[in-house]
Amino acid sequence: MKDKFFDLKREKQDRMINGALKIFALNGYKKASTDEIVKEAGISKGLLFHYFESKIGVYSFVCQYSAKYIAMELFRSVGMKETDFFELQKQMELAKMRVMKQYPYMQYFLNQAFLERDEEAVEATKEEMDYASDALKQVYEKADLTRFKEQVEPSVVLKMTLFSLNGLLSDYMRRETFIPEEYYREACEYLDMLRVHLEKDDKENYC
């Protein structure tokens, strides 16, 4: 039935996807309700189950859709020859912004899916989450880690960066109105601030 889902008009597809993304992102798998999903999407529960059969069917579908959609946008947005860690991260944030214009909760949903602890949900989406992880790994492997100050541990930089950006996105997602461009602007400000404290200055980089 999932294949037939794509025979629907795009507007209806997106309403269903966005409804599921929002409810799962804000509540987690276990607490998310299909009643809330259909209400958010403006459809009947019968229609939802016609295409996805069950709650876990909906969850696994939007997880797969999100992982592939975001990976596609990442590879489109990130420069082939870019090696600067913070520029790579900015390009990744630009990709997120583009995604969130059409699917506001997609990136936040994927962030929460990485933290999901419900066994049924984790088992059903292992392949999708591995795919998403591999896409991110391919981007980060391009980074030139020699640009960091000698006392700076790259793994700590990555963790600090992700904590900061994920926390910022979480804050934006819980506001009454969400403007992707505003998130992107503030994310870039965070990255510029981190660069000042963590990268060598120009003289150190080129000596």
N, C-alpha and C. Protein backbone atom coordinates (compact mmCIF):
# COMPACT_ATOMS: atom_id res chain seq x y z
N MET A 1 0.82 -1.21 0.00
CA MET A 1 0.00 0.00 0.00
C MET A 1 0.86 1.27 0.00
N LYS A 2 2.06 1.18 0.55
CA LYS A 2 2.91 2.37 0.62
C LYS A 2 3.24 2.91 -0.77
N ASP A 3 3.41 2.00 -1.72
CA ASP A 3 3.69 2.44 -3.09
C ASP A 3 2.53 3.25 -3.65
N LYS A 4 1.30 2.83 -3.32
CA LYS A 4 0.13 3.54 -3.82
C LYS A 4 -0.02 4.92 -3.19
N PHE A 5 0.63 5.10 -2.04
CA PHE A 5 0.60 6.41 -1.38
C PHE A 5 1.09 7.49 -2.32
N PHE A 6 2.09 7.17 -3.13
CA PHE A 6 2.68 8.16 -4.03
C PHE A 6 1.81 8.44 -5.25
N ASP A 7 0.69 7.73 -5.37
CA ASP A 7 -0.28 8.04 -6.42
C ASP A 7 -1.20 9.19 -6.00
N LEU A 8 -1.19 9.50 -4.71
CA LEU A 8 -1.99 10.62 -4.21
C LEU A 8 -1.43 11.94 -4.73
N LYS A 9 -2.26 12.97 -4.73
CA LYS A 9 -1.78 14.30 -5.08
C LYS A 9 -0.70 14.71 -4.10
N ARG A 10 0.29 15.44 -4.58
CA ARG A 10 1.44 15.81 -3.74
C ARG A 10 1.01 16.58 -2.50
N GLU A 11 0.03 17.43 -2.63
CA GLU A 11 -0.44 18.23 -1.49
C GLU A 11 -0.95 17.33 -0.37
N LYS A 12 -1.66 16.25 -0.74
CA LYS A 12 -2.19 15.34 0.26
C LYS A 12 -1.08 14.49 0.86
N GLN A 13 -0.14 14.07 0.02
CA GLN A 13 1.02 13.34 0.54
C GLN A 13 1.73 14.17 1.62
N ASP A 14 2.00 15.43 1.28
CA ASP A 14 2.75 16.29 2.19
C ASP A 14 1.99 16.57 3.48
N ARG A 15 0.68 16.68 3.39
CA ARG A 15 -0.11 16.88 4.61
C ARG A 15 0.02 15.68 5.54
N MET A 16 -0.02 14.50 4.98
CA MET A 16 0.10 13.29 5.78
C MET A 16 1.51 13.14 6.35
N ILE A 17 2.50 13.40 5.51
CA ILE A 17 3.89 13.30 5.97
C ILE A 17 4.16 14.33 7.06
N ASN A 18 3.76 15.57 6.82
CA ASN A 18 4.01 16.63 7.81
C ASN A 18 3.26 16.39 9.11
N GLY A 19 2.05 15.87 9.01
CA GLY A 19 1.30 15.56 10.22
C GLY A 19 2.00 14.51 11.06
N ALA A 20 2.48 13.45 10.41
CA ALA A 20 3.18 12.39 11.12
C ALA A 20 4.51 12.87 11.69
N LEU A 21 5.25 13.63 10.88
CA LEU A 21 6.54 14.16 11.35
C LEU A 21 6.37 15.00 12.61
N LYS A 22 5.39 15.87 12.60
CA LYS A 22 5.19 16.76 13.75
C LYS A 22 4.83 16.00 15.01
N ILE A 23 3.87 15.10 14.91
CA ILE A 23 3.40 14.38 16.10
C ILE A 23 4.49 13.45 16.65
N PHE A 24 5.18 12.74 15.77
CA PHE A 24 6.26 11.86 16.23
C PHE A 24 7.43 12.68 16.80
N ALA A 25 7.76 13.79 16.16
CA ALA A 25 8.90 14.61 16.61
C ALA A 25 8.65 15.20 17.99
N LEU A 26 7.45 15.66 18.23
CA LEU A 26 7.15 16.34 19.49
C LEU A 26 6.83 15.38 20.64
N ASN A 27 6.47 14.13 20.30
CA ASN A 27 6.02 13.21 21.34
C ASN A 27 6.84 11.94 21.47
N GLY A 28 7.67 11.63 20.47
CA GLY A 28 8.33 10.34 20.46
C GLY A 28 7.37 9.27 19.97
N TYR A 29 7.90 8.10 19.63
CA TYR A 29 7.05 7.06 19.04
C TYR A 29 5.97 6.58 20.00
N LYS A 30 6.34 6.24 21.22
CA LYS A 30 5.40 5.62 22.14
C LYS A 30 4.22 6.52 22.49
N LYS A 31 4.48 7.80 22.72
CA LYS A 31 3.43 8.72 23.14
C LYS A 31 2.66 9.33 21.98
N ALA A 32 3.19 9.19 20.78
CA ALA A 32 2.50 9.74 19.60
C ALA A 32 1.21 8.97 19.36
N SER A 33 0.17 9.69 18.96
CA SER A 33 -1.13 9.09 18.73
C SER A 33 -1.53 9.23 17.27
N THR A 34 -2.05 8.14 16.70
CA THR A 34 -2.53 8.23 15.31
C THR A 34 -3.75 9.16 15.22
N ASP A 35 -4.49 9.29 16.32
CA ASP A 35 -5.60 10.25 16.34
C ASP A 35 -5.08 11.67 16.12
N GLU A 36 -3.97 11.99 16.77
CA GLU A 36 -3.37 13.32 16.61
C GLU A 36 -2.80 13.50 15.21
N ILE A 37 -2.23 12.43 14.65
CA ILE A 37 -1.65 12.52 13.31
C ILE A 37 -2.72 12.83 12.28
N VAL A 38 -3.84 12.09 12.33
CA VAL A 38 -4.90 12.31 11.33
C VAL A 38 -5.55 13.67 11.52
N LYS A 39 -5.64 14.12 12.76
CA LYS A 39 -6.19 15.44 13.02
C LYS A 39 -5.28 16.51 12.44
N GLU A 40 -3.99 16.38 12.64
CA GLU A 40 -3.01 17.33 12.12
C GLU A 40 -3.00 17.32 10.59
N ALA A 41 -3.16 16.14 10.01
CA ALA A 41 -3.11 16.00 8.55
C ALA A 41 -4.44 16.32 7.88
N GLY A 42 -5.52 16.35 8.67
CA GLY A 42 -6.83 16.62 8.10
C GLY A 42 -7.36 15.48 7.25
N ILE A 43 -7.12 14.24 7.73
CA ILE A 43 -7.60 13.06 7.01
C ILE A 43 -8.29 12.12 8.00
N SER A 44 -8.89 11.05 7.48
CA SER A 44 -9.51 10.06 8.35
C SER A 44 -8.48 9.02 8.77
N LYS A 45 -8.74 8.39 9.91
CA LYS A 45 -7.84 7.33 10.37
C LYS A 45 -7.88 6.16 9.39
N GLY A 46 -9.04 5.92 8.80
CA GLY A 46 -9.16 4.84 7.83
C GLY A 46 -8.23 5.03 6.65
N LEU A 47 -8.10 6.28 6.20
CA LEU A 47 -7.21 6.56 5.07
C LEU A 47 -5.76 6.33 5.46
N LEU A 48 -5.40 6.77 6.66
CA LEU A 48 -4.02 6.58 7.14
C LEU A 48 -3.66 5.10 7.16
N PHE A 49 -4.55 4.29 7.74
CA PHE A 49 -4.28 2.86 7.86
C PHE A 49 -4.42 2.13 6.53
N HIS A 50 -5.17 2.71 5.61
CA HIS A 50 -5.27 2.13 4.27
C HIS A 50 -3.90 2.09 3.60
N TYR A 51 -3.10 3.12 3.81
CA TYR A 51 -1.78 3.20 3.19
C TYR A 51 -0.67 2.63 4.05
N PHE A 52 -0.81 2.72 5.37
CA PHE A 52 0.33 2.34 6.23
C PHE A 52 0.02 1.23 7.24
N GLU A 53 -1.21 0.80 7.33
CA GLU A 53 -1.63 -0.37 8.10
C GLU A 53 -1.55 -0.22 9.62
N SER A 54 -0.54 0.45 10.12
CA SER A 54 -0.35 0.54 11.57
C SER A 54 0.46 1.77 11.93
N LYS A 55 0.54 2.05 13.21
CA LYS A 55 1.34 3.17 13.71
C LYS A 55 2.81 2.98 13.36
N ILE A 56 3.32 1.76 13.54
CA ILE A 56 4.72 1.52 13.23
C ILE A 56 4.96 1.62 11.72
N GLY A 57 3.93 1.31 10.94
CA GLY A 57 4.04 1.47 9.50
C GLY A 57 4.21 2.92 9.10
N VAL A 58 3.46 3.80 9.76
CA VAL A 58 3.58 5.24 9.51
C VAL A 58 4.96 5.72 9.92
N TYR A 59 5.39 5.30 11.11
CA TYR A 59 6.68 5.76 11.65
C TYR A 59 7.83 5.33 10.75
N SER A 60 7.85 4.07 10.37
CA SER A 60 8.96 3.58 9.56
C SER A 60 8.97 4.25 8.19
N PHE A 61 7.78 4.55 7.65
CA PHE A 61 7.72 5.22 6.35
C PHE A 61 8.30 6.62 6.43
N VAL A 62 7.88 7.42 7.42
CA VAL A 62 8.38 8.80 7.48
C VAL A 62 9.85 8.84 7.84
N CYS A 63 10.32 7.81 8.55
CA CYS A 63 11.75 7.73 8.85
C CYS A 63 12.55 7.48 7.57
N GLN A 64 12.09 6.53 6.78
CA GLN A 64 12.76 6.24 5.51
C GLN A 64 12.70 7.44 4.57
N TYR A 65 11.54 8.06 4.48
CA TYR A 65 11.36 9.21 3.60
C TYR A 65 12.28 10.36 4.03
N SER A 66 12.36 10.60 5.34
CA SER A 66 13.17 11.69 5.87
C SER A 66 14.66 11.45 5.63
N ALA A 67 15.12 10.23 5.92
CA ALA A 67 16.54 9.91 5.76
C ALA A 67 16.98 10.12 4.31
N LYS A 68 16.18 9.65 3.37
CA LYS A 68 16.54 9.77 1.96
C LYS A 68 16.40 11.20 1.45
N TYR A 69 15.37 11.89 1.91
CA TYR A 69 15.13 13.26 1.45
C TYR A 69 16.24 14.19 1.93
N ILE A 70 16.59 14.08 3.20
CA ILE A 70 17.62 14.95 3.76
C ILE A 70 19.00 14.61 3.18
N ALA A 71 19.28 13.33 3.00
CA ALA A 71 20.56 12.94 2.40
C ALA A 71 20.69 13.51 0.98
N MET A 72 19.61 13.46 0.23
CA MET A 72 19.60 14.01 -1.13
C MET A 72 19.90 15.49 -1.11
N GLU A 73 19.30 16.21 -0.16
CA GLU A 73 19.52 17.65 -0.07
C GLU A 73 20.93 17.96 0.42
N LEU A 74 21.45 17.14 1.31
CA LEU A 74 22.83 17.33 1.79
C LEU A 74 23.82 17.23 0.64
N PHE A 75 23.69 16.18 -0.15
CA PHE A 75 24.64 15.96 -1.24
C PHE A 75 24.49 17.03 -2.32
N ARG A 76 23.31 17.63 -2.41
CA ARG A 76 23.10 18.70 -3.38
C ARG A 76 23.69 20.02 -2.88
N SER A 77 23.70 20.23 -1.58
CA SER A 77 24.07 21.52 -1.01
C SER A 77 25.54 21.63 -0.62
N VAL A 78 26.17 20.50 -0.27
CA VAL A 78 27.55 20.53 0.23
C VAL A 78 28.52 20.52 -0.94
N GLY A 79 29.45 21.48 -0.92
CA GLY A 79 30.44 21.60 -1.99
C GLY A 79 31.36 20.39 -2.07
N MET A 80 31.62 19.93 -3.28
CA MET A 80 32.44 18.74 -3.48
C MET A 80 33.86 18.92 -2.94
N LYS A 81 34.40 20.14 -3.07
CA LYS A 81 35.79 20.38 -2.68
C LYS A 81 35.94 21.10 -1.34
N GLU A 82 34.83 21.36 -0.68
CA GLU A 82 34.90 22.07 0.61
C GLU A 82 35.48 21.17 1.68
N THR A 83 36.44 21.70 2.46
CA THR A 83 37.06 20.92 3.54
C THR A 83 37.02 21.64 4.89
N ASP A 84 36.63 22.90 4.89
CA ASP A 84 36.55 23.66 6.14
C ASP A 84 35.36 23.15 6.96
N PHE A 85 35.62 22.71 8.18
CA PHE A 85 34.58 22.11 9.02
C PHE A 85 33.37 23.02 9.19
N PHE A 86 33.62 24.28 9.50
CA PHE A 86 32.50 25.18 9.78
C PHE A 86 31.75 25.58 8.52
N GLU A 87 32.45 25.65 7.40
CA GLU A 87 31.76 25.90 6.14
C GLU A 87 30.92 24.70 5.73
N LEU A 88 31.46 23.51 5.95
CA LEU A 88 30.68 22.30 5.69
C LEU A 88 29.41 22.28 6.53
N GLN A 89 29.57 22.65 7.81
CA GLN A 89 28.41 22.65 8.69
C GLN A 89 27.39 23.71 8.26
N LYS A 90 27.87 24.86 7.81
CA LYS A 90 26.95 25.88 7.31
C LYS A 90 26.19 25.39 6.09
N GLN A 91 26.88 24.68 5.20
CA GLN A 91 26.22 24.15 4.03
C GLN A 91 25.19 23.08 4.41
N MET A 92 25.49 22.34 5.47
CA MET A 92 24.53 21.36 5.97
C MET A 92 23.31 22.06 6.56
N GLU A 93 23.54 23.16 7.25
CA GLU A 93 22.42 23.92 7.81
C GLU A 93 21.58 24.55 6.70
N LEU A 94 22.23 24.94 5.62
CA LEU A 94 21.50 25.47 4.47
C LEU A 94 20.60 24.38 3.88
N ALA A 95 21.13 23.16 3.81
CA ALA A 95 20.33 22.03 3.32
C ALA A 95 19.12 21.82 4.23
N LYS A 96 19.34 21.87 5.54
CA LYS A 96 18.23 21.71 6.48
C LYS A 96 17.17 22.78 6.27
N MET A 97 17.63 24.02 6.08
CA MET A 97 16.70 25.12 5.89
C MET A 97 15.81 24.87 4.66
N ARG A 98 16.43 24.41 3.59
CA ARG A 98 15.67 24.13 2.37
C ARG A 98 14.64 23.02 2.61
N VAL A 99 15.06 21.99 3.34
CA VAL A 99 14.15 20.90 3.66
C VAL A 99 12.98 21.40 4.50
N MET A 100 13.29 22.21 5.51
CA MET A 100 12.27 22.65 6.46
C MET A 100 11.26 23.62 5.87
N LYS A 101 11.56 24.18 4.73
CA LYS A 101 10.57 25.02 4.05
C LYS A 101 9.40 24.19 3.57
N GLN A 102 9.66 22.95 3.22
CA GLN A 102 8.60 22.06 2.76
C GLN A 102 8.12 21.12 3.86
N TYR A 103 9.08 20.68 4.69
CA TYR A 103 8.76 19.75 5.78
C TYR A 103 9.33 20.32 7.08
N PRO A 104 8.60 21.21 7.73
CA PRO A 104 9.13 21.94 8.90
C PRO A 104 9.69 21.06 10.01
N TYR A 105 9.11 19.90 10.24
CA TYR A 105 9.54 19.06 11.36
C TYR A 105 10.45 17.91 10.96
N MET A 106 10.86 17.85 9.69
CA MET A 106 11.61 16.67 9.23
C MET A 106 12.96 16.52 9.93
N GLN A 107 13.75 17.58 9.99
CA GLN A 107 15.06 17.47 10.63
C GLN A 107 14.93 17.21 12.13
N TYR A 108 13.99 17.86 12.75
CA TYR A 108 13.77 17.65 14.19
C TYR A 108 13.31 16.22 14.45
N PHE A 109 12.44 15.71 13.58
CA PHE A 109 12.00 14.32 13.70
C PHE A 109 13.20 13.37 13.62
N LEU A 110 14.08 13.61 12.65
CA LEU A 110 15.23 12.73 12.47
C LEU A 110 16.17 12.82 13.68
N ASN A 111 16.34 14.03 14.21
CA ASN A 111 17.15 14.19 15.42
C ASN A 111 16.58 13.35 16.56
N GLN A 112 15.26 13.40 16.72
CA GLN A 112 14.61 12.65 17.80
C GLN A 112 14.66 11.15 17.52
N ALA A 113 14.60 10.77 16.25
CA ALA A 113 14.65 9.34 15.90
C ALA A 113 16.00 8.74 16.30
N PHE A 114 17.07 9.53 16.20
CA PHE A 114 18.39 9.05 16.62
C PHE A 114 18.41 8.77 18.14
N LEU A 115 17.53 9.44 18.89
CA LEU A 115 17.49 9.29 20.35
C LEU A 115 16.40 8.32 20.80
N GLU A 116 15.61 7.81 19.86
CA GLU A 116 14.47 6.95 20.18
C GLU A 116 14.92 5.69 20.92
N ARG A 117 14.18 5.32 21.95
CA ARG A 117 14.54 4.14 22.75
C ARG A 117 13.48 3.04 22.69
N ASP A 118 12.34 3.31 22.10
CA ASP A 118 11.32 2.27 21.99
C ASP A 118 11.84 1.15 21.08
N GLU A 119 11.84 -0.08 21.60
CA GLU A 119 12.45 -1.20 20.88
C GLU A 119 11.80 -1.46 19.53
N GLU A 120 10.47 -1.37 19.48
CA GLU A 120 9.77 -1.62 18.22
C GLU A 120 10.17 -0.60 17.16
N ALA A 121 10.21 0.67 17.57
CA ALA A 121 10.57 1.74 16.64
C ALA A 121 12.03 1.64 16.19
N VAL A 122 12.91 1.36 17.12
CA VAL A 122 14.34 1.26 16.81
C VAL A 122 14.60 0.10 15.85
N GLU A 123 13.99 -1.05 16.11
CA GLU A 123 14.18 -2.22 15.27
C GLU A 123 13.63 -1.99 13.86
N ALA A 124 12.48 -1.32 13.77
CA ALA A 124 11.82 -1.11 12.48
C ALA A 124 12.56 -0.11 11.60
N THR A 125 13.40 0.73 12.20
CA THR A 125 14.03 1.81 11.43
C THR A 125 15.55 1.75 11.43
N LYS A 126 16.10 0.62 11.83
CA LYS A 126 17.57 0.51 11.92
C LYS A 126 18.24 0.80 10.58
N GLU A 127 17.72 0.25 9.51
CA GLU A 127 18.33 0.45 8.19
C GLU A 127 18.27 1.91 7.78
N GLU A 128 17.15 2.56 8.04
CA GLU A 128 16.98 3.97 7.68
C GLU A 128 17.92 4.86 8.47
N MET A 129 18.07 4.57 9.78
CA MET A 129 18.93 5.39 10.61
C MET A 129 20.41 5.18 10.25
N ASP A 130 20.76 3.96 9.86
CA ASP A 130 22.13 3.71 9.39
C ASP A 130 22.40 4.49 8.11
N TYR A 131 21.40 4.56 7.24
CA TYR A 131 21.54 5.31 5.98
C TYR A 131 21.77 6.79 6.28
N ALA A 132 20.99 7.34 7.22
CA ALA A 132 21.14 8.74 7.59
C ALA A 132 22.51 8.99 8.21
N SER A 133 22.96 8.09 9.06
CA SER A 133 24.28 8.23 9.69
C SER A 133 25.40 8.20 8.66
N ASP A 134 25.28 7.32 7.70
CA ASP A 134 26.30 7.20 6.66
C ASP A 134 26.39 8.48 5.82
N ALA A 135 25.23 9.09 5.54
CA ALA A 135 25.21 10.34 4.77
C ALA A 135 25.95 11.44 5.51
N LEU A 136 25.70 11.55 6.81
CA LEU A 136 26.39 12.55 7.63
C LEU A 136 27.89 12.25 7.70
N LYS A 137 28.22 10.98 7.84
CA LYS A 137 29.63 10.58 7.93
C LYS A 137 30.39 10.98 6.67
N GLN A 138 29.76 10.81 5.52
CA GLN A 138 30.41 11.17 4.25
C GLN A 138 30.75 12.66 4.19
N VAL A 139 29.88 13.48 4.77
CA VAL A 139 30.14 14.92 4.78
C VAL A 139 31.27 15.25 5.75
N TYR A 140 31.20 14.72 6.97
CA TYR A 140 32.19 15.06 7.97
C TYR A 140 33.58 14.51 7.63
N GLU A 141 33.64 13.44 6.87
CA GLU A 141 34.94 12.90 6.47
C GLU A 141 35.71 13.85 5.57
N LYS A 142 35.03 14.82 4.98
CA LYS A 142 35.69 15.78 4.10
C LYS A 142 36.44 16.85 4.89
N ALA A 143 36.12 17.00 6.17
CA ALA A 143 36.65 18.11 6.97
C ALA A 143 38.16 17.98 7.22
N ASP A 144 38.85 19.10 7.07
CA ASP A 144 40.28 19.18 7.36
C ASP A 144 40.44 19.49 8.85
N LEU A 145 40.78 18.47 9.63
CA LEU A 145 40.85 18.61 11.08
C LEU A 145 42.12 19.31 11.55
N THR A 146 43.07 19.56 10.64
CA THR A 146 44.31 20.23 11.03
C THR A 146 44.09 21.73 11.25
N ARG A 147 42.92 22.23 10.89
CA ARG A 147 42.63 23.66 11.06
C ARG A 147 42.32 24.01 12.51
N PHE A 148 42.03 23.00 13.34
CA PHE A 148 41.72 23.26 14.74
C PHE A 148 43.01 23.53 15.52
N LYS A 149 42.89 24.27 16.60
CA LYS A 149 44.02 24.51 17.48
C LYS A 149 44.53 23.19 18.03
N GLU A 150 45.83 23.14 18.33
CA GLU A 150 46.46 21.88 18.72
C GLU A 150 45.81 21.24 19.95
N GLN A 151 45.34 22.06 20.90
CA GLN A 151 44.78 21.51 22.12
C GLN A 151 43.31 21.11 21.97
N VAL A 152 42.76 21.30 20.76
CA VAL A 152 41.34 21.02 20.53
C VAL A 152 41.16 19.61 19.97
N GLU A 153 40.30 18.83 20.61
CA GLU A 153 40.00 17.48 20.15
C GLU A 153 38.84 17.53 19.16
N PRO A 154 39.03 17.09 17.92
CA PRO A 154 37.99 17.17 16.89
C PRO A 154 36.67 16.52 17.29
N SER A 155 36.73 15.39 17.97
CA SER A 155 35.48 14.72 18.36
C SER A 155 34.66 15.58 19.32
N VAL A 156 35.37 16.35 20.16
CA VAL A 156 34.69 17.24 21.09
C VAL A 156 34.06 18.41 20.34
N VAL A 157 34.76 18.90 19.31
CA VAL A 157 34.21 19.98 18.48
C VAL A 157 32.91 19.53 17.83
N LEU A 158 32.92 18.32 17.27
CA LEU A 158 31.72 17.80 16.62
C LEU A 158 30.58 17.67 17.61
N LYS A 159 30.87 17.12 18.79
CA LYS A 159 29.82 16.94 19.79
C LYS A 159 29.28 18.29 20.25
N MET A 160 30.15 19.24 20.49
CA MET A 160 29.75 20.58 20.92
C MET A 160 28.89 21.26 19.84
N THR A 161 29.31 21.11 18.59
CA THR A 161 28.59 21.72 17.48
C THR A 161 27.19 21.13 17.35
N LEU A 162 27.10 19.81 17.41
CA LEU A 162 25.80 19.15 17.26
C LEU A 162 24.89 19.46 18.45
N PHE A 163 25.43 19.47 19.65
CA PHE A 163 24.61 19.81 20.82
C PHE A 163 24.05 21.22 20.67
N SER A 164 24.90 22.15 20.23
CA SER A 164 24.46 23.54 20.09
C SER A 164 23.38 23.68 19.03
N LEU A 165 23.60 23.08 17.86
CA LEU A 165 22.65 23.23 16.76
C LEU A 165 21.36 22.45 17.00
N ASN A 166 21.47 21.26 17.58
CA ASN A 166 20.26 20.50 17.88
C ASN A 166 19.43 21.18 18.97
N GLY A 167 20.12 21.78 19.94
CA GLY A 167 19.41 22.53 20.98
C GLY A 167 18.72 23.76 20.40
N LEU A 168 19.40 24.44 19.48
CA LEU A 168 18.81 25.60 18.83
C LEU A 168 17.58 25.20 18.03
N LEU A 169 17.68 24.11 17.28
CA LEU A 169 16.54 23.66 16.49
C LEU A 169 15.37 23.26 17.38
N SER A 170 15.67 22.59 18.48
CA SER A 170 14.63 22.19 19.43
C SER A 170 13.89 23.42 19.96
N ASP A 171 14.62 24.47 20.25
CA ASP A 171 14.02 25.71 20.73
C ASP A 171 13.09 26.30 19.67
N TYR A 172 13.55 26.34 18.43
CA TYR A 172 12.73 26.89 17.35
C TYR A 172 11.48 26.05 17.10
N MET A 173 11.60 24.73 17.22
CA MET A 173 10.47 23.86 16.93
C MET A 173 9.33 24.02 17.91
N ARG A 174 9.63 24.52 19.08
CA ARG A 174 8.60 24.65 20.10
C ARG A 174 8.05 26.08 20.21
N ARG A 175 8.43 26.92 19.27
CA ARG A 175 7.85 28.25 19.20
C ARG A 175 6.54 28.22 18.42
N GLU A 176 5.72 29.23 18.61
CA GLU A 176 4.43 29.27 17.92
C GLU A 176 4.60 29.40 16.41
N THR A 177 5.59 30.15 16.00
CA THR A 177 5.86 30.29 14.57
C THR A 177 7.31 29.91 14.30
N PHE A 178 7.52 29.25 13.17
CA PHE A 178 8.87 28.79 12.83
C PHE A 178 9.22 29.30 11.44
N ILE A 179 10.32 30.07 11.36
CA ILE A 179 10.79 30.60 10.08
C ILE A 179 12.17 30.00 9.83
N PRO A 180 12.28 29.07 8.87
CA PRO A 180 13.56 28.39 8.63
C PRO A 180 14.74 29.33 8.41
N GLU A 181 14.50 30.46 7.73
CA GLU A 181 15.58 31.41 7.48
C GLU A 181 16.14 31.99 8.77
N GLU A 182 15.28 32.20 9.75
CA GLU A 182 15.76 32.73 11.03
C GLU A 182 16.61 31.71 11.75
N TYR A 183 16.19 30.44 11.69
CA TYR A 183 17.00 29.37 12.29
C TYR A 183 18.37 29.31 11.62
N TYR A 184 18.40 29.36 10.30
CA TYR A 184 19.66 29.28 9.56
C TYR A 184 20.59 30.43 9.92
N ARG A 185 20.04 31.63 9.99
CA ARG A 185 20.85 32.80 10.33
C ARG A 185 21.48 32.63 11.71
N GLU A 186 20.70 32.21 12.69
CA GLU A 186 21.23 32.06 14.05
C GLU A 186 22.21 30.89 14.13
N ALA A 187 21.95 29.82 13.39
CA ALA A 187 22.87 28.68 13.37
C ALA A 187 24.24 29.12 12.84
N CYS A 188 24.23 29.94 11.81
CA CYS A 188 25.50 30.44 11.25
C CYS A 188 26.23 31.32 12.26
N GLU A 189 25.50 32.09 13.04
CA GLU A 189 26.12 32.91 14.08
C GLU A 189 26.79 32.03 15.13
N TYR A 190 26.15 30.94 15.51
CA TYR A 190 26.74 29.98 16.46
C TYR A 190 28.05 29.43 15.89
N LEU A 191 28.01 29.05 14.61
CA LEU A 191 29.19 28.45 13.99
C LEU A 191 30.34 29.44 13.87
N ASP A 192 30.02 30.68 13.56
CA ASP A 192 31.06 31.71 13.49
C ASP A 192 31.71 31.92 14.85
N MET A 193 30.90 31.86 15.89
CA MET A 193 31.41 32.04 17.26
C MET A 193 32.34 30.87 17.64
N LEU A 194 31.92 29.65 17.30
CA LEU A 194 32.75 28.48 17.60
C LEU A 194 34.06 28.53 16.83
N ARG A 195 34.00 29.00 15.58
CA ARG A 195 35.22 29.08 14.76
C ARG A 195 36.27 29.97 15.43
N VAL A 196 35.84 31.11 15.94
CA VAL A 196 36.77 32.06 16.55
C VAL A 196 37.55 31.41 17.69
N HIS A 197 36.89 30.56 18.45
CA HIS A 197 37.53 29.98 19.64
C HIS A 197 38.27 28.67 19.37
N LEU A 198 37.93 27.99 18.28
CA LEU A 198 38.44 26.64 18.08
C LEU A 198 39.43 26.48 16.93
N GLU A 199 39.38 27.39 15.95
CA GLU A 199 40.30 27.27 14.81
C GLU A 199 41.57 28.09 15.03
N LYS A 200 42.65 27.63 14.39
CA LYS A 200 43.87 28.43 14.36
C LYS A 200 43.59 29.71 13.58
N ASP A 201 44.34 30.77 13.91
CA ASP A 201 44.17 31.97 13.09
C ASP A 201 44.90 31.77 11.77
N ASP A 202 44.78 32.70 10.85
CA ASP A 202 45.35 32.55 9.50
C ASP A 202 46.85 32.28 9.54
N LYS A 203 47.56 32.96 10.42
CA LYS A 203 49.02 32.79 10.48
C LYS A 203 49.38 31.37 10.89
N GLU A 204 48.62 30.84 11.85
CA GLU A 204 48.89 29.48 12.31
C GLU A 204 48.55 28.47 11.22
N ASN A 205 47.46 28.74 10.47
CA ASN A 205 47.02 27.81 9.44
C ASN A 205 48.03 27.68 8.32
N TYR A 206 48.75 28.74 8.02
CA TYR A 206 49.60 28.72 6.83
C TYR A 206 51.10 28.75 7.14
N CYS A 207 51.49 28.58 8.39
CA CYS A 207 52.92 28.57 8.70
C CYS A 207 53.51 27.19 8.43
